[in-house]
Structures are given as structure tokens and as C-alpha cells.
Protein backbone atom coordinates (compact mmCIF):
# COMPACT_ATOMS: atom_id res chain seq x y z
CA MET A 1 -55.28 9.63 12.37
CA ASN A 2 -57.43 11.48 9.49
CA PHE A 3 -56.52 12.48 6.19
CA VAL A 4 -58.14 14.87 3.82
CA VAL A 5 -57.88 14.01 0.35
CA PRO A 6 -59.55 16.32 -2.06
CA GLU A 7 -56.78 15.38 -4.70
CA VAL A 8 -55.27 12.00 -5.30
CA THR A 9 -51.80 13.87 -5.75
CA PHE A 10 -51.87 13.68 -1.91
CA PHE A 11 -51.55 10.21 -1.49
CA ARG A 12 -47.82 10.35 -2.18
CA TYR A 13 -47.55 12.18 0.75
CA PHE A 14 -49.98 10.64 3.08
CA ILE A 15 -49.62 6.82 2.31
CA PRO A 16 -46.09 6.68 4.22
CA LEU A 17 -47.62 8.27 7.36
CA ILE A 18 -50.27 5.61 7.10
CA ILE A 19 -47.97 2.71 6.62
CA GLU A 20 -45.69 4.08 9.47
CA GLY A 21 -49.07 4.49 11.48
CA ASN A 22 -49.86 0.70 10.67
CA LYS A 23 -46.47 -0.19 12.22
CA ARG A 24 -47.44 1.37 15.59
CA GLY A 25 -51.16 -0.34 15.81
CA ILE A 26 -52.73 3.65 14.41
CA LYS A 27 -55.40 2.90 12.51
CA SER A 28 -55.98 5.54 9.19
CA LYS A 29 -59.24 7.18 7.94
CA VAL A 30 -59.12 8.85 4.85
CA PHE A 31 -61.75 11.63 3.89
CA LEU A 32 -62.42 12.18 0.38
CA ARG A 33 -63.25 15.29 -1.07
CA PRO A 34 -64.73 15.93 -5.04
CA THR A 35 -63.10 18.14 -7.12
CA PRO A 36 -64.68 17.81 -10.10
CA ALA A 37 -62.95 20.49 -12.48
CA LYS A 38 -59.22 18.65 -11.69
CA TYR A 39 -57.92 15.68 -13.31
CA CYS A 40 -56.78 14.28 -10.06
CA CYS A 41 -60.30 14.50 -8.55
CA PRO A 42 -60.86 11.45 -6.09
CA GLU A 43 -64.01 10.63 -7.70
CA GLU A 44 -62.16 9.79 -11.32
CA TRP A 45 -59.79 7.50 -9.87
CA LYS A 46 -61.98 4.99 -7.33
CA GLU A 47 -60.62 1.98 -8.07
CA GLN A 48 -57.23 2.92 -7.36
CA ILE A 49 -57.87 4.41 -4.14
CA LYS A 50 -59.86 1.44 -3.49
CA GLU A 51 -56.58 -0.74 -4.54
CA LEU A 52 -54.35 1.29 -2.23
CA SER A 53 -56.77 1.15 0.63
CA ILE A 54 -56.75 -2.56 0.84
CA LYS A 55 -53.03 -2.58 0.26
CA HIS A 56 -52.07 -0.30 2.89
CA GLU A 57 -55.46 -0.77 5.48
CA PHE A 58 -57.04 2.40 5.68
CA GLU A 59 -60.54 3.29 5.29
CA THR A 60 -62.41 5.97 3.17
CA PHE A 61 -65.43 8.11 4.04
CA PRO A 62 -66.92 11.20 2.32
CA ILE A 63 -65.38 14.54 3.86
CA SER A 64 -68.66 14.97 5.28
CA LYS A 65 -67.96 12.52 8.19
CA ILE A 66 -64.82 13.84 9.34
CA ASN A 67 -66.73 16.01 12.10
CA THR A 68 -67.59 12.76 13.83
CA GLU A 69 -63.91 11.82 13.75
CA PRO A 70 -61.70 13.72 15.98
CA GLY A 71 -57.98 13.87 16.59
CA LEU A 72 -54.97 14.12 14.58
CA THR A 73 -55.96 15.15 11.17
CA PHE A 74 -53.40 15.81 8.44
CA LEU A 75 -53.91 18.23 5.40
CA ILE A 76 -51.99 19.12 2.44
CA GLU A 77 -51.50 23.00 2.21
CA GLY A 78 -54.43 23.70 4.28
CA THR A 79 -56.78 22.21 1.82
CA GLY A 80 -59.72 21.21 3.61
CA VAL A 81 -59.08 23.00 7.12
CA ASP A 82 -62.47 24.87 7.00
CA TYR A 83 -64.34 20.96 6.97
CA LEU A 84 -62.38 20.55 10.61
CA ASN A 85 -63.57 21.77 14.34
CA SER A 86 -61.93 22.27 17.64
CA SER A 87 -61.69 18.65 18.04
CA HIS A 88 -59.27 17.93 15.27
CA HIS A 89 -55.48 18.49 15.83
CA LYS A 90 -54.84 20.04 12.28
CA ILE A 91 -51.20 19.24 10.72
CA SER A 92 -50.63 20.84 7.35
CA LEU A 93 -47.92 19.35 5.11
CA THR A 94 -45.99 21.53 2.18
CA ALA A 95 -46.04 20.41 -0.95
CA MET A 96 -43.72 21.47 -3.55
CA LEU A 97 -43.81 25.34 -3.49
CA ASP A 98 -47.70 25.93 -3.49
CA PHE A 99 -46.71 27.44 0.37
CA CYS A 100 -45.40 30.26 -1.79
CA VAL A 101 -49.32 31.20 -2.02
CA SER A 102 -51.39 29.24 0.27
CA TYR A 103 -49.49 29.52 3.38
CA LYS A 104 -51.04 32.74 4.48
CA ASN A 105 -54.60 31.36 3.94
CA TYR A 106 -54.27 28.40 6.59
CA ILE A 107 -51.32 29.27 8.76
CA ASP A 108 -53.61 30.56 11.43
CA LYS A 109 -56.14 27.78 10.97
CA VAL A 110 -54.00 24.80 11.78
CA ASP A 111 -51.87 23.78 14.70
CA SER A 112 -48.50 23.15 12.93
CA VAL A 113 -47.16 23.12 9.57
CA ILE A 114 -44.45 20.59 8.14
CA PHE A 115 -41.60 22.07 6.02
CA MET A 116 -39.06 19.82 4.10
CA SER A 117 -36.44 22.07 6.12
CA GLU A 118 -35.93 25.22 7.85
CA PHE A 119 -33.88 26.33 4.82
CA VAL A 120 -36.91 26.35 2.24
CA ALA A 121 -39.03 27.90 5.06
CA LYS A 122 -36.52 30.80 5.21
CA HIS A 123 -35.53 30.94 1.48
CA TYR A 124 -39.30 31.46 0.81
CA ASN A 125 -39.96 33.92 3.65
CA LYS A 126 -42.54 31.48 5.57
CA ILE A 127 -41.20 31.64 9.28
CA SER A 128 -43.81 30.59 11.98
CA GLU A 129 -43.38 29.24 15.52
CA LYS A 130 -46.10 26.76 13.91
CA ASN A 131 -43.59 25.54 11.85
CA LEU A 132 -41.71 22.03 11.93
CA TYR A 133 -39.02 20.92 10.17
CA LEU A 134 -39.32 17.19 9.79
CA GLY A 135 -38.39 16.62 5.97
CA SER A 136 -41.14 14.96 3.57
CA PRO A 137 -43.09 11.51 3.59
CA LYS A 138 -42.88 11.36 0.35
CA TYR A 139 -39.35 10.26 0.22
CA ASP A 140 -39.87 7.40 2.62
CA ILE A 141 -40.31 4.80 -0.01
CA THR A 142 -38.14 2.12 -1.22
CA LEU A 143 -38.14 1.87 -5.15
CA ASP A 144 -37.09 -1.20 -7.25
CA ARG A 145 -35.67 -0.83 -10.53
CA ASP A 146 -36.57 -4.31 -11.67
CA THR A 147 -40.30 -3.59 -10.80
CA ILE A 148 -40.50 -0.28 -12.58
CA ILE A 149 -39.09 -1.63 -15.91
CA LYS A 150 -41.90 -3.99 -15.77
CA LYS A 151 -44.71 -1.94 -14.72
CA PHE A 152 -44.09 0.51 -17.33
CA LYS A 153 -42.94 -2.18 -20.17
CA LEU A 154 -39.80 -0.29 -20.72
CA ASN A 155 -36.84 -2.32 -22.79
CA PRO A 156 -34.45 -3.48 -19.77
CA ASP A 157 -31.54 -3.80 -22.18
CA LYS A 158 -31.45 0.05 -22.82
CA LYS A 159 -30.40 2.64 -20.46
CA ASN A 160 -33.07 5.59 -20.19
CA VAL A 161 -33.47 9.43 -20.40
CA LEU A 162 -36.43 11.08 -19.04
CA ILE A 163 -38.10 14.16 -20.39
CA LEU A 164 -40.17 15.99 -17.59
CA GLY A 165 -42.24 17.95 -20.46
CA PRO A 166 -42.99 21.50 -20.39
CA PRO A 167 -46.23 23.05 -19.82
CA THR A 168 -48.50 22.91 -22.94
CA TYR A 169 -50.49 25.95 -22.41
CA GLN A 170 -50.42 29.26 -20.32
CA ARG A 171 -52.43 29.10 -17.15
CA CYS A 172 -52.14 32.81 -16.74
CA ALA A 173 -50.70 35.67 -18.57
CA LEU A 174 -47.91 35.66 -15.69
CA THR A 175 -46.90 31.94 -16.16
CA PHE A 176 -44.88 30.28 -18.73
CA PRO A 177 -43.70 31.55 -21.88
CA TYR A 178 -45.27 30.09 -25.08
CA LEU A 179 -42.40 27.26 -25.98
CA ASN A 180 -42.14 26.90 -29.53
CA LYS A 181 -42.78 23.72 -30.86
CA ASP A 182 -40.07 23.28 -33.55
CA LYS A 183 -37.82 24.85 -31.32
CA ILE A 184 -38.21 21.83 -28.31
CA ASN A 185 -38.35 19.41 -31.28
CA ASN A 186 -35.00 20.50 -32.55
CA LEU A 187 -33.80 20.15 -29.11
CA TYR A 188 -35.15 16.96 -29.09
CA ASN A 189 -33.29 15.65 -32.28
CA LYS A 190 -29.92 16.79 -30.62
CA LEU A 191 -30.41 15.23 -27.63
CA ARG A 192 -31.42 12.05 -30.19
CA LYS A 193 -28.36 12.13 -32.12
CA ILE A 194 -26.20 12.41 -28.46
CA LEU A 195 -27.88 9.68 -26.87
CA LYS A 196 -28.27 6.91 -29.23
CA GLY A 197 -29.54 3.76 -27.90
CA TYR A 198 -31.33 5.32 -25.21
CA ASN A 199 -35.07 4.67 -24.42
CA PHE A 200 -36.54 7.90 -24.51
CA ILE A 201 -39.33 8.40 -21.87
CA TYR A 202 -41.46 11.44 -22.08
CA LYS A 203 -43.60 11.89 -18.98
CA THR A 204 -46.35 14.70 -18.46
CA ARG A 205 -48.65 15.67 -15.81
CA GLY A 206 -52.49 15.07 -16.16
CA LYS A 207 -53.35 18.88 -16.57
CA TYR A 208 -50.90 18.78 -19.74
CA PRO A 209 -52.20 15.60 -21.26
CA LEU A 210 -50.69 13.48 -23.94
CA GLU A 211 -53.41 13.92 -26.33
CA GLY A 212 -52.77 16.69 -28.66
CA ASN A 213 -49.47 17.34 -26.61
CA PRO A 214 -46.79 19.27 -29.09
CA TYR A 215 -43.77 18.40 -27.04
CA SER A 216 -44.34 14.85 -26.99
CA ASN A 217 -43.25 13.97 -30.35
CA ASN A 218 -40.35 11.55 -31.39
CA MET A 219 -40.55 9.62 -28.18
CA ASP A 220 -40.20 6.21 -27.28
CA TYR A 221 -42.46 5.90 -24.35
CA LYS A 222 -45.13 8.56 -23.22
CA PHE A 223 -46.73 8.40 -19.95
CA GLU A 224 -49.18 10.59 -17.95
CA ASP A 225 -50.42 10.37 -14.50
CA SER A 226 -51.43 6.99 -13.77
CA PHE A 227 -50.40 5.82 -10.45
CA TRP A 228 -50.52 7.86 -7.76
CA PHE A 229 -48.41 5.96 -4.95
CA PRO A 230 -45.52 5.30 -5.74
CA HIS A 231 -46.10 8.29 -8.06
CA ASP A 232 -45.33 7.81 -11.67
CA SER A 233 -42.67 10.35 -11.96
CA MET A 234 -40.88 9.60 -8.92
CA GLN A 235 -40.48 5.78 -10.36
CA LEU A 236 -39.60 6.85 -13.86
CA THR A 237 -36.98 9.32 -12.21
CA HIS A 238 -35.36 6.41 -10.30
CA VAL A 239 -34.97 3.95 -13.50
CA SER A 240 -33.38 6.61 -15.34
CA ASP A 241 -29.87 7.51 -15.97
CA LEU A 242 -30.65 11.47 -17.06
CA VAL A 243 -33.66 13.80 -16.62
CA ILE A 244 -34.13 16.00 -19.14
CA CYS A 245 -36.55 19.09 -17.35
CA PHE A 246 -38.13 22.50 -18.04
CA ASP A 247 -37.78 24.85 -14.91
CA THR A 248 -39.76 22.34 -12.93
CA ALA A 249 -40.51 21.88 -9.20
CA SER A 250 -39.56 18.56 -9.82
CA ILE A 251 -36.07 19.22 -9.67
CA LYS A 252 -35.99 18.79 -5.73
CA GLU A 253 -37.37 15.04 -6.29
CA ILE A 254 -34.69 14.69 -9.00
CA THR A 255 -32.17 15.95 -6.25
CA MET A 256 -33.31 14.03 -3.71
CA ILE A 257 -33.59 10.66 -5.72
CA GLU A 258 -29.88 11.48 -6.84
CA LYS A 259 -30.19 11.65 -10.57
CA PRO A 260 -28.06 14.01 -12.83
CA ALA A 261 -30.40 16.74 -14.70
CA LEU A 262 -29.96 18.71 -17.51
CA ASN A 263 -32.34 22.04 -17.26
CA PHE A 264 -33.47 24.01 -20.02
CA ARG A 265 -34.85 27.82 -18.82
CA ILE A 266 -38.30 28.95 -19.66
CA MET A 267 -39.02 31.35 -16.94
CA ASP A 268 -35.98 33.67 -16.95
CA GLY A 269 -37.63 37.22 -16.05
CA ILE A 270 -40.86 35.65 -15.11
CA PHE A 271 -42.07 36.89 -11.35
CA LEU A 272 -45.11 35.34 -9.86
CA PRO A 273 -46.83 37.00 -6.57
CA GLY A 274 -45.83 35.09 -3.54
CA TYR A 275 -42.57 34.11 -5.03
CA PRO A 276 -40.16 36.36 -3.55
CA THR A 277 -36.90 34.77 -5.36
CA GLY A 278 -39.14 34.78 -9.00
CA ALA A 279 -41.05 31.80 -10.68
CA ARG A 280 -38.03 29.38 -11.05
CA SER A 281 -38.68 26.65 -8.55
CA PHE A 282 -36.09 25.95 -5.65
CA ASP A 283 -33.37 28.08 -7.80
CA PHE A 284 -30.61 27.31 -5.36
CA LEU A 285 -30.21 23.70 -6.96
CA TYR A 286 -28.60 25.01 -10.32
CA GLN A 287 -25.08 26.06 -8.48
CA TYR A 288 -24.67 21.76 -8.17
CA ASN A 289 -22.79 20.08 -11.08
CA HIS A 290 -25.25 17.54 -11.21
CA CYS A 291 -28.10 20.13 -12.09
CA LEU A 292 -27.01 22.06 -15.20
CA ASP A 293 -28.71 24.91 -16.32
CA ARG A 294 -28.84 25.73 -19.95
CA SER A 295 -30.64 27.46 -22.56
CA LEU A 296 -32.86 26.25 -25.19
CA ASP A 297 -30.42 27.40 -28.10
CA SER A 298 -27.89 25.22 -26.57
CA SER A 299 -25.80 23.76 -29.61
CA THR A 300 -25.36 20.12 -30.26
CA LYS A 301 -21.59 20.62 -28.99
CA GLU A 302 -22.23 22.38 -25.73
CA LEU A 303 -25.10 19.51 -24.87
CA GLU A 304 -22.79 16.88 -25.90
CA LYS A 305 -20.35 18.35 -23.40
CA ASP A 306 -22.95 18.68 -20.93
CA ILE A 307 -24.46 15.25 -21.07
CA ASN A 308 -20.81 13.39 -21.01
CA HIS A 309 -20.24 15.25 -17.91
CA LEU A 310 -23.61 14.23 -16.28
CA LEU A 311 -23.36 10.56 -17.25
CA THR A 312 -19.44 10.15 -16.53
CA SER A 313 -19.05 11.92 -13.38
CA LYS A 314 -19.47 10.50 -9.76
CA PHE A 315 -21.66 13.39 -8.00
CA ASP A 316 -22.13 13.84 -4.23
CA PHE A 317 -25.69 14.58 -3.72
CA ALA A 318 -25.40 14.66 -0.04
CA GLU A 319 -23.96 18.33 0.08
CA ALA A 320 -27.18 19.67 -1.97
CA LYS A 321 -29.83 17.49 0.39
CA GLN A 322 -28.18 18.25 3.71
CA LYS A 323 -27.91 22.08 3.24
CA HIS A 324 -31.50 22.56 1.72
CA PHE A 325 -33.65 19.48 2.53
CA TYR A 326 -32.59 16.57 4.70
CA LEU A 327 -30.71 13.28 3.94
CA GLY A 328 -32.73 10.46 5.55
CA LYS A 329 -35.98 8.43 4.65
CA GLU A 330 -37.21 8.55 8.18
CA SER A 331 -39.75 11.46 7.83
CA SER A 332 -42.69 9.71 8.65
CA LYS A 333 -41.31 7.97 11.66
CA ASN A 334 -40.04 11.73 12.90
CA ILE A 335 -43.50 13.39 12.12
CA LEU A 336 -45.31 10.84 14.28
CA ASN A 337 -42.68 10.91 17.02
CA ALA A 338 -43.18 14.77 17.11
CA LEU A 339 -46.87 14.43 17.32
């Protein structure tokens, strides 16, 4: 099997497939393409890629070598498809909501597109006879709390609240309103009063680094992307009792990992080209009582009520997962069986 990797973020999707292939005696080859302008460029993560290749028994090559390696070839959102030829059986996996914009650019160039579910494809109006609804390999992992606590050097005697930090800049005039840092810090102060004794863990993406980050104050632990498989955000979500977020696409991961979330709206009224239901990712998840949707101006009393509900209730995540995504952890197995 071949895997095209222009961004190390792709490993969270690909390595579960590589692991399943190893079980079947199928060797994997990873083809690396530099993307110098990005924080996730493979050139910047050579040592971690080497460690992953040894652990999971795959070979790495420059993208220029892929024309001599025909057969089953995996991509993410069609990225790198133009390096391939008719000898490759091209399979593109979707990632978060990137397909809202990119799907039209690659659907005619690939053999199949793997969506997490038919619901998602229909909800975002991306229907084709090439679609396969086989879940996401990203969730074919087993996470261990004790291992993660040690890995990130967290205080094991405290419970954890994870804050998935908001964007720190506008990427364009259409996306992400300016967030007043005083308003964010005021929110954190309210949360601190309510969640006394908790580890406050701040996680930001590499594109919004901790250096100069105005929204990472008053935290016990701060992290940006540093592990690509399993990915930091999934590991930290797993060990947290509550996740605080800001209209993030990670609301899907939070639901799949079965953690309660308190979301603060920052994208009301923002509509992006290609996003038919507005800029808020996976908006349908906010109807469930394990995913509360609130304003940044919520009072301490309101927040205290919400947090008490999220920390003391027993939630059935199966309803949301089954209706919108899928239940199981056998996506990699199902994908290789189907192909």
C-alpha cells in the first residue's frame, strides 16, 4: 500500500491502516512531499517520522519515487493526486470538513472517497457514486490514561479540564471574528472559580503557536502539536473530564471519544464558501445534552449550572455517534476489506 504524506497531520489517519495492513502481511510505503510554508511539513518532523516508521514497520520515500510504485494508494482530501498515474488505485479519505471546499477539486481524479458516514456526506451535499461510507481510521486506536498522564507529565491526583484554544488570528476577512483577550481571560477566571482543584490544560494547533498566544494565560499546562500518532488532542481529550472549546471541528473527536463539552460560540453569522450550513463545524452535534452551546458572555451562575450538568450526568454518546457518524473501531479493517 502507498500513502501520500505532504503533511504529518495525515499520519493519524494512515497509521491505523498501516497497522491493519501489517496484520495481513501487506507492506506499506509512505511518500513524503515537503510543504515548507506549513508547521506540519514532513521536513520539520524527520525524527518523529523515523520513530513512527520503525515502530509501525513502513518505509519512507520522496514523492518523486511514487510513479514506480503502482497499486492501492491513499490520499487525504485528494492532496497529491496529481503525482499519481493510471497505475495507482486512488483512494481519498476525508478529514474534518476540508472536503466542503476541496471535494470538487479531486472527485474526478480518484477512484473512491471514504467518508465517515453517509449522513455527513448528505449533510454537506457531497454525494457521488464514488463515495464509500466506512468510518475513519483515526479512531481505530486504544488510548491508555496512565500512559498519557506520564507522557504529558500531568498531575495524576487531579481531574483535568482541556481547553482547545481558539484561533489567534483571522486567516481571511471571512473567518473567525476577533476575540477580545480580556473577554477570554474573564471566561477563564470564571471557569477557574467553578473548577477549583482541576488541572487546566491548554492545547493549541501548530498554526496558532503558544509563543505570543493571547488566549493561553492562567493555565497549568500548555501544549501545541508535538505528537502525530496518536495525536496530542485525542490523547488529552481522552484523559480529560470536560472539554472547553470554541466552535472547533474537534467537536467530532470529542463526541467520538465520548467526553462532555462546553462550547462557546464565536462563529455566529459567519458563512464560508463551500460550507452550506454555515461556518460552524458539525453544527448538528449541539442538539445533544453532552455538548452544550453557550455565549462567551455567560454568567458564572449559568456556567456553574452547565458544568455541574456535564460533570455529574451519565450520557449516552451512542445516539449521536450512530446517527451522524458510526459506532465501531474497525474502520481500517472495513476499508481494506472493501478495497
